Amino acid sequence: MSNKEQSDGSSANYYKLPENASELQDLISAKNMNFYIGSIFELCYDHSKAEKAQDKNSQICIIARIINYAEYEKKRIETMYKM
């Protein structure tokens, strides 16, 4: 995303789906997400399904996995910039 692109709070060009995107993996690839960020993205989608099903145990498990992947990504970035 360019620093010049701004959202009005409702939508922005950078939120539009890429052409031919029909699955989460298409979005992950289009945005060049690494493993951890892509996994978090997928887990957020899974969480919304568990939330609608009112499956508390699945929601908690998914959130724990999101936190773990976020911690791994944080460590990866910190390590990368210590070089």
PDB file of N, CA and C in Angstrom:
ATOM      1  N   MET A   1       0.849  -1.183   0.000  1.00  0.00           N
ATOM      2  CA  MET A   1       0.000   0.000   0.000  1.00  0.00           C
ATOM      3  C   MET A   1       0.885   1.233   0.000  1.00  0.00           C
ATOM      4  N   SER A   2       0.583   2.127  -0.844  1.00  0.00           N
ATOM      5  CA  SER A   2       1.311   3.383  -0.958  1.00  0.00           C
ATOM      6  C   SER A   2       0.926   4.303   0.197  1.00  0.00           C
ATOM      7  N   ASN A   3       1.867   5.138   0.617  1.00  0.00           N
ATOM      8  CA  ASN A   3       1.572   6.091   1.685  1.00  0.00           C
ATOM      9  C   ASN A   3       0.528   7.111   1.262  1.00  0.00           C
ATOM     10  N   LYS A   4       0.355   7.316  -0.046  1.00  0.00           N
ATOM     11  CA  LYS A   4      -0.586   8.311  -0.545  1.00  0.00           C
ATOM     12  C   LYS A   4      -2.025   7.803  -0.587  1.00  0.00           C
ATOM     13  N   GLU A   5      -2.216   6.486  -0.534  1.00  0.00           N
ATOM     14  CA  GLU A   5      -3.567   5.944  -0.552  1.00  0.00           C
ATOM     15  C   GLU A   5      -4.203   6.137   0.818  1.00  0.00           C
ATOM     16  N   GLN A   6      -5.403   6.687   0.817  1.00  0.00           N
ATOM     17  CA  GLN A   6      -6.099   6.911   2.072  1.00  0.00           C
ATOM     18  C   GLN A   6      -7.515   6.359   1.973  1.00  0.00           C
ATOM     19  N   SER A   7      -8.019   5.961   3.090  1.00  0.00           N
ATOM     20  CA  SER A   7      -9.383   5.442   3.155  1.00  0.00           C
ATOM     21  C   SER A   7     -10.282   6.486   3.791  1.00  0.00           C
ATOM     22  N   ASP A   8     -11.528   6.505   3.373  1.00  0.00           N
ATOM     23  CA  ASP A   8     -12.497   7.394   4.002  1.00  0.00           C
ATOM     24  C   ASP A   8     -13.157   6.706   5.206  1.00  0.00           C
ATOM     25  N   GLY A   9     -12.657   5.538   5.544  1.00  0.00           N
ATOM     26  CA  GLY A   9     -13.198   4.787   6.672  1.00  0.00           C
ATOM     27  C   GLY A   9     -14.181   3.715   6.239  1.00  0.00           C
ATOM     28  N   SER A  10     -14.662   3.810   5.008  1.00  0.00           N
ATOM     29  CA  SER A  10     -15.611   2.803   4.540  1.00  0.00           C
ATOM     30  C   SER A  10     -14.971   1.853   3.532  1.00  0.00           C
ATOM     31  N   SER A  11     -14.174   2.379   2.628  1.00  0.00           N
ATOM     32  CA  SER A  11     -13.537   1.548   1.614  1.00  0.00           C
ATOM     33  C   SER A  11     -12.365   2.311   1.007  1.00  0.00           C
ATOM     34  N   ALA A  12     -11.505   1.567   0.344  1.00  0.00           N
ATOM     35  CA  ALA A  12     -10.362   2.164  -0.348  1.00  0.00           C
ATOM     36  C   ALA A  12      -9.933   1.199  -1.440  1.00  0.00           C
ATOM     37  N   ASN A  13      -9.211   1.707  -2.416  1.00  0.00           N
ATOM     38  CA  ASN A  13      -8.763   0.859  -3.521  1.00  0.00           C
ATOM     39  C   ASN A  13      -7.962  -0.345  -3.042  1.00  0.00           C
ATOM     40  N   TYR A  14      -7.172  -0.175  -1.985  1.00  0.00           N
ATOM     41  CA  TYR A  14      -6.350  -1.286  -1.527  1.00  0.00           C
ATOM     42  C   TYR A  14      -7.166  -2.386  -0.856  1.00  0.00           C
ATOM     43  N   TYR A  15      -8.469  -2.179  -0.651  1.00  0.00           N
ATOM     44  CA  TYR A  15      -9.340  -3.222  -0.122  1.00  0.00           C
ATOM     45  C   TYR A  15     -10.072  -3.983  -1.225  1.00  0.00           C
ATOM     46  N   LYS A  16      -9.964  -3.527  -2.455  1.00  0.00           N
ATOM     47  CA  LYS A  16     -10.631  -4.215  -3.555  1.00  0.00           C
ATOM     48  C   LYS A  16      -9.946  -5.551  -3.811  1.00  0.00           C
ATOM     49  N   LEU A  17     -10.747  -6.547  -4.151  1.00  0.00           N
ATOM     50  CA  LEU A  17     -10.196  -7.870  -4.424  1.00  0.00           C
ATOM     51  C   LEU A  17      -9.426  -7.866  -5.733  1.00  0.00           C
ATOM     52  N   PRO A  18      -8.302  -8.577  -5.766  1.00  0.00           N
ATOM     53  CA  PRO A  18      -7.563  -8.689  -7.021  1.00  0.00           C
ATOM     54  C   PRO A  18      -8.418  -9.406  -8.063  1.00  0.00           C
ATOM     55  N   GLU A  19      -8.174  -9.089  -9.313  1.00  0.00           N
ATOM     56  CA  GLU A  19      -8.898  -9.757 -10.384  1.00  0.00           C
ATOM     57  C   GLU A  19      -8.642 -11.264 -10.296  1.00  0.00           C
ATOM     58  N   ASN A  20      -9.652 -12.044 -10.524  1.00  0.00           N
ATOM     59  CA  ASN A  20      -9.593 -13.513 -10.495  1.00  0.00           C
ATOM     60  C   ASN A  20      -9.390 -14.092  -9.097  1.00  0.00           C
ATOM     61  N   ALA A  21      -9.551 -13.317  -8.045  1.00  0.00           N
ATOM     62  CA  ALA A  21      -9.432 -13.843  -6.686  1.00  0.00           C
ATOM     63  C   ALA A  21     -10.759 -14.469  -6.278  1.00  0.00           C
ATOM     64  N   SER A  22     -10.709 -15.736  -5.920  1.00  0.00           N
ATOM     65  CA  SER A  22     -11.932 -16.408  -5.493  1.00  0.00           C
ATOM     66  C   SER A  22     -11.758 -17.149  -4.177  1.00  0.00           C
ATOM     67  N   GLU A  23     -10.533 -17.241  -3.686  1.00  0.00           N
ATOM     68  CA  GLU A  23     -10.247 -17.945  -2.437  1.00  0.00           C
ATOM     69  C   GLU A  23      -9.294 -17.108  -1.586  1.00  0.00           C
ATOM     70  N   LEU A  24      -9.244 -17.446  -0.302  1.00  0.00           N
ATOM     71  CA  LEU A  24      -8.318 -16.749   0.589  1.00  0.00           C
ATOM     72  C   LEU A  24      -6.882 -16.855   0.078  1.00  0.00           C
ATOM     73  N   GLN A  25      -6.522 -18.027  -0.420  1.00  0.00           N
ATOM     74  CA  GLN A  25      -5.156 -18.215  -0.909  1.00  0.00           C
ATOM     75  C   GLN A  25      -4.824 -17.249  -2.046  1.00  0.00           C
ATOM     76  N   ASP A  26      -5.827 -16.900  -2.854  1.00  0.00           N
ATOM     77  CA  ASP A  26      -5.610 -15.918  -3.921  1.00  0.00           C
ATOM     78  C   ASP A  26      -5.226 -14.565  -3.335  1.00  0.00           C
ATOM     79  N   LEU A  27      -5.879 -14.177  -2.265  1.00  0.00           N
ATOM     80  CA  LEU A  27      -5.566 -12.899  -1.616  1.00  0.00           C
ATOM     81  C   LEU A  27      -4.195 -12.942  -0.947  1.00  0.00           C
ATOM     82  N   ILE A  28      -3.906 -14.059  -0.292  1.00  0.00           N
ATOM     83  CA  ILE A  28      -2.614 -14.217   0.366  1.00  0.00           C
ATOM     84  C   ILE A  28      -1.494 -14.095  -0.658  1.00  0.00           C
ATOM     85  N   SER A  29      -1.658 -14.746  -1.786  1.00  0.00           N
ATOM     86  CA  SER A  29      -0.642 -14.680  -2.843  1.00  0.00           C
ATOM     87  C   SER A  29      -0.553 -13.287  -3.449  1.00  0.00           C
ATOM     88  N   ALA A  30      -1.694 -12.666  -3.714  1.00  0.00           N
ATOM     89  CA  ALA A  30      -1.708 -11.331  -4.331  1.00  0.00           C
ATOM     90  C   ALA A  30      -1.029 -10.300  -3.446  1.00  0.00           C
ATOM     91  N   LYS A  31      -1.163 -10.447  -2.145  1.00  0.00           N
ATOM     92  CA  LYS A  31      -0.546  -9.508  -1.205  1.00  0.00           C
ATOM     93  C   LYS A  31       0.838  -9.966  -0.756  1.00  0.00           C
ATOM     94  N   ASN A  32       1.302 -11.090  -1.319  1.00  0.00           N
ATOM     95  CA  ASN A  32       2.635 -11.615  -1.019  1.00  0.00           C
ATOM     96  C   ASN A  32       2.860 -11.801   0.488  1.00  0.00           C
ATOM     97  N   MET A  33       1.860 -12.358   1.156  1.00  0.00           N
ATOM     98  CA  MET A  33       1.961 -12.593   2.598  1.00  0.00           C
ATOM     99  C   MET A  33       2.887 -13.779   2.868  1.00  0.00           C
ATOM    100  N   ASN A  34       3.703 -13.664   3.911  1.00  0.00           N
ATOM    101  CA  ASN A  34       4.542 -14.791   4.293  1.00  0.00           C
ATOM    102  C   ASN A  34       3.688 -15.826   5.047  1.00  0.00           C
ATOM    103  N   PHE A  35       4.312 -16.914   5.464  1.00  0.00           N
ATOM    104  CA  PHE A  35       3.581 -18.008   6.113  1.00  0.00           C
ATOM    105  C   PHE A  35       2.807 -17.536   7.343  1.00  0.00           C
ATOM    106  N   TYR A  36       3.469 -16.818   8.233  1.00  0.00           N
ATOM    107  CA  TYR A  36       2.825 -16.411   9.483  1.00  0.00           C
ATOM    108  C   TYR A  36       1.653 -15.473   9.240  1.00  0.00           C
ATOM    109  N   ILE A  37       1.852 -14.453   8.420  1.00  0.00           N
ATOM    110  CA  ILE A  37       0.784 -13.485   8.150  1.00  0.00           C
ATOM    111  C   ILE A  37      -0.358 -14.160   7.394  1.00  0.00           C
ATOM    112  N   GLY A  38      -0.022 -15.008   6.418  1.00  0.00           N
ATOM    113  CA  GLY A  38      -1.053 -15.738   5.687  1.00  0.00           C
ATOM    114  C   GLY A  38      -1.861 -16.646   6.601  1.00  0.00           C
ATOM    115  N   SER A  39      -1.183 -17.294   7.546  1.00  0.00           N
ATOM    116  CA  SER A  39      -1.874 -18.172   8.490  1.00  0.00           C
ATOM    117  C   SER A  39      -2.799 -17.379   9.405  1.00  0.00           C
ATOM    118  N   ILE A  40      -2.339 -16.226   9.861  1.00  0.00           N
ATOM    119  CA  ILE A  40      -3.184 -15.362  10.697  1.00  0.00           C
ATOM    120  C   ILE A  40      -4.427 -14.939   9.918  1.00  0.00           C
ATOM    121  N   PHE A  41      -4.238 -14.578   8.671  1.00  0.00           N
ATOM    122  CA  PHE A  41      -5.340 -14.168   7.802  1.00  0.00           C
ATOM    123  C   PHE A  41      -6.377 -15.293   7.693  1.00  0.00           C
ATOM    124  N   GLU A  42      -5.909 -16.509   7.433  1.00  0.00           N
ATOM    125  CA  GLU A  42      -6.815 -17.659   7.341  1.00  0.00           C
ATOM    126  C   GLU A  42      -7.506 -17.935   8.670  1.00  0.00           C
ATOM    127  N   LEU A  43      -6.749 -17.834   9.756  1.00  0.00           N
ATOM    128  CA  LEU A  43      -7.326 -18.100  11.080  1.00  0.00           C
ATOM    129  C   LEU A  43      -8.392 -17.074  11.456  1.00  0.00           C
ATOM    130  N   CYS A  44      -8.220 -15.833  11.034  1.00  0.00           N
ATOM    131  CA  CYS A  44      -9.251 -14.819  11.289  1.00  0.00           C
ATOM    132  C   CYS A  44     -10.556 -15.215  10.606  1.00  0.00           C
ATOM    133  N   TYR A  45     -10.453 -15.740   9.406  1.00  0.00           N
ATOM    134  CA  TYR A  45     -11.636 -16.212   8.692  1.00  0.00           C
ATOM    135  C   TYR A  45     -12.262 -17.396   9.440  1.00  0.00           C
ATOM    136  N   ASP A  46     -11.415 -18.335   9.872  1.00  0.00           N
ATOM    137  CA  ASP A  46     -11.912 -19.486  10.641  1.00  0.00           C
ATOM    138  C   ASP A  46     -12.594 -19.040  11.928  1.00  0.00           C
ATOM    139  N   HIS A  47     -12.032 -18.013  12.562  1.00  0.00           N
ATOM    140  CA  HIS A  47     -12.617 -17.511  13.807  1.00  0.00           C
ATOM    141  C   HIS A  47     -14.023 -16.985  13.572  1.00  0.00           C
ATOM    142  N   SER A  48     -14.223 -16.305  12.465  1.00  0.00           N
ATOM    143  CA  SER A  48     -15.559 -15.763  12.196  1.00  0.00           C
ATOM    144  C   SER A  48     -16.579 -16.883  12.018  1.00  0.00           C
ATOM    145  N   LYS A  49     -16.156 -18.002  11.426  1.00  0.00           N
ATOM    146  CA  LYS A  49     -17.061 -19.145  11.284  1.00  0.00           C
ATOM    147  C   LYS A  49     -17.373 -19.761  12.650  1.00  0.00           C
ATOM    148  N   ALA A  50     -16.359 -19.908  13.499  1.00  0.00           N
ATOM    149  CA  ALA A  50     -16.560 -20.485  14.832  1.00  0.00           C
ATOM    150  C   ALA A  50     -17.422 -19.573  15.684  1.00  0.00           C
ATOM    151  N   GLU A  51     -17.242 -18.259  15.508  1.00  0.00           N
ATOM    152  CA  GLU A  51     -18.025 -17.292  16.273  1.00  0.00           C
ATOM    153  C   GLU A  51     -19.501 -17.401  15.901  1.00  0.00           C
ATOM    154  N   LYS A  52     -19.784 -17.509  14.610  1.00  0.00           N
ATOM    155  CA  LYS A  52     -21.173 -17.645  14.160  1.00  0.00           C
ATOM    156  C   LYS A  52     -21.793 -18.945  14.668  1.00  0.00           C
ATOM    157  N   ALA A  53     -20.970 -19.989  14.785  1.00  0.00           N
ATOM    158  CA  ALA A  53     -21.457 -21.272  15.289  1.00  0.00           C
ATOM    159  C   ALA A  53     -21.508 -21.293  16.816  1.00  0.00           C
ATOM    160  N   GLN A  54     -21.080 -20.195  17.438  1.00  0.00           N
ATOM    161  CA  GLN A  54     -21.015 -20.069  18.890  1.00  0.00           C
ATOM    162  C   GLN A  54     -20.216 -21.213  19.523  1.00  0.00           C
ATOM    163  N   ASP A  55     -19.106 -21.544  18.870  1.00  0.00           N
ATOM    164  CA  ASP A  55     -18.210 -22.606  19.329  1.00  0.00           C
ATOM    165  C   ASP A  55     -17.067 -21.968  20.123  1.00  0.00           C
ATOM    166  N   LYS A  56     -17.292 -21.805  21.419  1.00  0.00           N
ATOM    167  CA  LYS A  56     -16.339 -21.098  22.285  1.00  0.00           C
ATOM    168  C   LYS A  56     -14.969 -21.758  22.289  1.00  0.00           C
ATOM    169  N   ASN A  57     -14.920 -23.077  22.370  1.00  0.00           N
ATOM    170  CA  ASN A  57     -13.631 -23.770  22.432  1.00  0.00           C
ATOM    171  C   ASN A  57     -12.823 -23.556  21.160  1.00  0.00           C
ATOM    172  N   SER A  58     -13.485 -23.619  20.017  1.00  0.00           N
ATOM    173  CA  SER A  58     -12.779 -23.379  18.754  1.00  0.00           C
ATOM    174  C   SER A  58     -12.301 -21.941  18.677  1.00  0.00           C
ATOM    175  N   GLN A  59     -13.121 -21.005  19.120  1.00  0.00           N
ATOM    176  CA  GLN A  59     -12.721 -19.592  19.097  1.00  0.00           C
ATOM    177  C   GLN A  59     -11.462 -19.377  19.916  1.00  0.00           C
ATOM    178  N   ILE A  60     -11.422 -19.942  21.103  1.00  0.00           N
ATOM    179  CA  ILE A  60     -10.263 -19.776  21.986  1.00  0.00           C
ATOM    180  C   ILE A  60      -9.021 -20.418  21.375  1.00  0.00           C
ATOM    181  N   CYS A  61      -9.185 -21.596  20.811  1.00  0.00           N
ATOM    182  CA  CYS A  61      -8.063 -22.287  20.165  1.00  0.00           C
ATOM    183  C   CYS A  61      -7.535 -21.473  18.992  1.00  0.00           C
ATOM    184  N   ILE A  62      -8.416 -20.937  18.193  1.00  0.00           N
ATOM    185  CA  ILE A  62      -8.011 -20.142  17.029  1.00  0.00           C
ATOM    186  C   ILE A  62      -7.287 -18.877  17.466  1.00  0.00           C
ATOM    187  N   ILE A  63      -7.808 -18.205  18.477  1.00  0.00           N
ATOM    188  CA  ILE A  63      -7.153 -16.984  18.974  1.00  0.00           C
ATOM    189  C   ILE A  63      -5.763 -17.313  19.506  1.00  0.00           C
ATOM    190  N   ALA A  64      -5.616 -18.438  20.192  1.00  0.00           N
ATOM    191  CA  ALA A  64      -4.297 -18.843  20.707  1.00  0.00           C
ATOM    192  C   ALA A  64      -3.324 -19.064  19.550  1.00  0.00           C
ATOM    193  N   ARG A  65      -3.791 -19.669  18.468  1.00  0.00           N
ATOM    194  CA  ARG A  65      -2.935 -19.892  17.304  1.00  0.00           C
ATOM    195  C   ARG A  65      -2.567 -18.570  16.642  1.00  0.00           C
ATOM    196  N   ILE A  66      -3.525 -17.640  16.554  1.00  0.00           N
ATOM    197  CA  ILE A  66      -3.235 -16.318  15.991  1.00  0.00           C
ATOM    198  C   ILE A  66      -2.140 -15.633  16.809  1.00  0.00           C
ATOM    199  N   ILE A  67      -2.270 -15.679  18.124  1.00  0.00           N
ATOM    200  CA  ILE A  67      -1.272 -15.064  19.008  1.00  0.00           C
ATOM    201  C   ILE A  67       0.096 -15.697  18.796  1.00  0.00           C
ATOM    202  N   ASN A  68       0.146 -17.025  18.693  1.00  0.00           N
ATOM    203  CA  ASN A  68       1.431 -17.712  18.479  1.00  0.00           C
ATOM    204  C   ASN A  68       2.071 -17.283  17.168  1.00  0.00           C
ATOM    205  N   TYR A  69       1.287 -17.274  16.084  1.00  0.00           N
ATOM    206  CA  TYR A  69       1.840 -16.864  14.794  1.00  0.00           C
ATOM    207  C   TYR A  69       2.273 -15.400  14.826  1.00  0.00           C
ATOM    208  N   ALA A  70       1.528 -14.558  15.527  1.00  0.00           N
ATOM    209  CA  ALA A  70       1.904 -13.145  15.633  1.00  0.00           C
ATOM    210  C   ALA A  70       3.223 -12.999  16.398  1.00  0.00           C
ATOM    211  N   GLU A  71       3.402 -13.784  17.437  1.00  0.00           N
ATOM    212  CA  GLU A  71       4.665 -13.747  18.194  1.00  0.00           C
ATOM    213  C   GLU A  71       5.838 -14.209  17.319  1.00  0.00           C
ATOM    214  N   TYR A  72       5.629 -15.284  16.548  1.00  0.00           N
ATOM    215  CA  TYR A  72       6.679 -15.748  15.631  1.00  0.00           C
ATOM    216  C   TYR A  72       7.033 -14.673  14.618  1.00  0.00           C
ATOM    217  N   GLU A  73       6.008 -14.012  14.072  1.00  0.00           N
ATOM    218  CA  GLU A  73       6.253 -12.960  13.085  1.00  0.00           C
ATOM    219  C   GLU A  73       6.983 -11.777  13.715  1.00  0.00           C
ATOM    220  N   LYS A  74       6.610 -11.431  14.924  1.00  0.00           N
ATOM    221  CA  LYS A  74       7.279 -10.341  15.645  1.00  0.00           C
ATOM    222  C   LYS A  74       8.763 -10.672  15.828  1.00  0.00           C
ATOM    223  N   LYS A  75       9.056 -11.896  16.255  1.00  0.00           N
ATOM    224  CA  LYS A  75      10.456 -12.313  16.440  1.00  0.00           C
ATOM    225  C   LYS A  75      11.202 -12.311  15.115  1.00  0.00           C
ATOM    226  N   ARG A  76      10.531 -12.749  14.041  1.00  0.00           N
ATOM    227  CA  ARG A  76      11.160 -12.772  12.726  1.00  0.00           C
ATOM    228  C   ARG A  76      11.560 -11.362  12.294  1.00  0.00           C
ATOM    229  N   ILE A  77      10.648 -10.426  12.498  1.00  0.00           N
ATOM    230  CA  ILE A  77      10.923  -9.035  12.104  1.00  0.00           C
ATOM    231  C   ILE A  77      12.023  -8.432  12.971  1.00  0.00           C
ATOM    232  N   GLU A  78      11.947  -8.685  14.274  1.00  0.00           N
ATOM    233  CA  GLU A  78      12.984  -8.161  15.164  1.00  0.00           C
ATOM    234  C   GLU A  78      14.355  -8.698  14.791  1.00  0.00           C
ATOM    235  N   THR A  79      14.427  -9.978  14.485  1.00  0.00           N
ATOM    236  CA  THR A  79      15.696 -10.607  14.087  1.00  0.00           C
ATOM    237  C   THR A  79      16.190 -10.034  12.770  1.00  0.00           C
ATOM    238  N   MET A  80      15.283  -9.853  11.825  1.00  0.00           N
ATOM    239  CA  MET A  80      15.641  -9.335  10.507  1.00  0.00           C
ATOM    240  C   MET A  80      16.261  -7.945  10.611  1.00  0.00           C
ATOM    241  N   TYR A  81      15.740  -7.101  11.489  1.00  0.00           N
ATOM    242  CA  TYR A  81      16.237  -5.734  11.586  1.00  0.00           C
ATOM    243  C   TYR A  81      17.427  -5.582  12.535  1.00  0.00           C
ATOM    244  N   LYS A  82      17.818  -6.666  13.203  1.00  0.00           N
ATOM    245  CA  LYS A  82      19.029  -6.622  14.033  1.00  0.00           C
ATOM    246  C   LYS A  82      20.260  -6.843  13.193  1.00  0.00           C
ATOM    247  N   MET A  83      20.070  -7.306  11.957  1.00  0.00           N
ATOM    248  CA  MET A  83      21.210  -7.618  11.080  1.00  0.00           C
ATOM    249  C   MET A  83      21.996  -6.389  10.774  1.00  0.00           C
TER     250      MET A  83
END
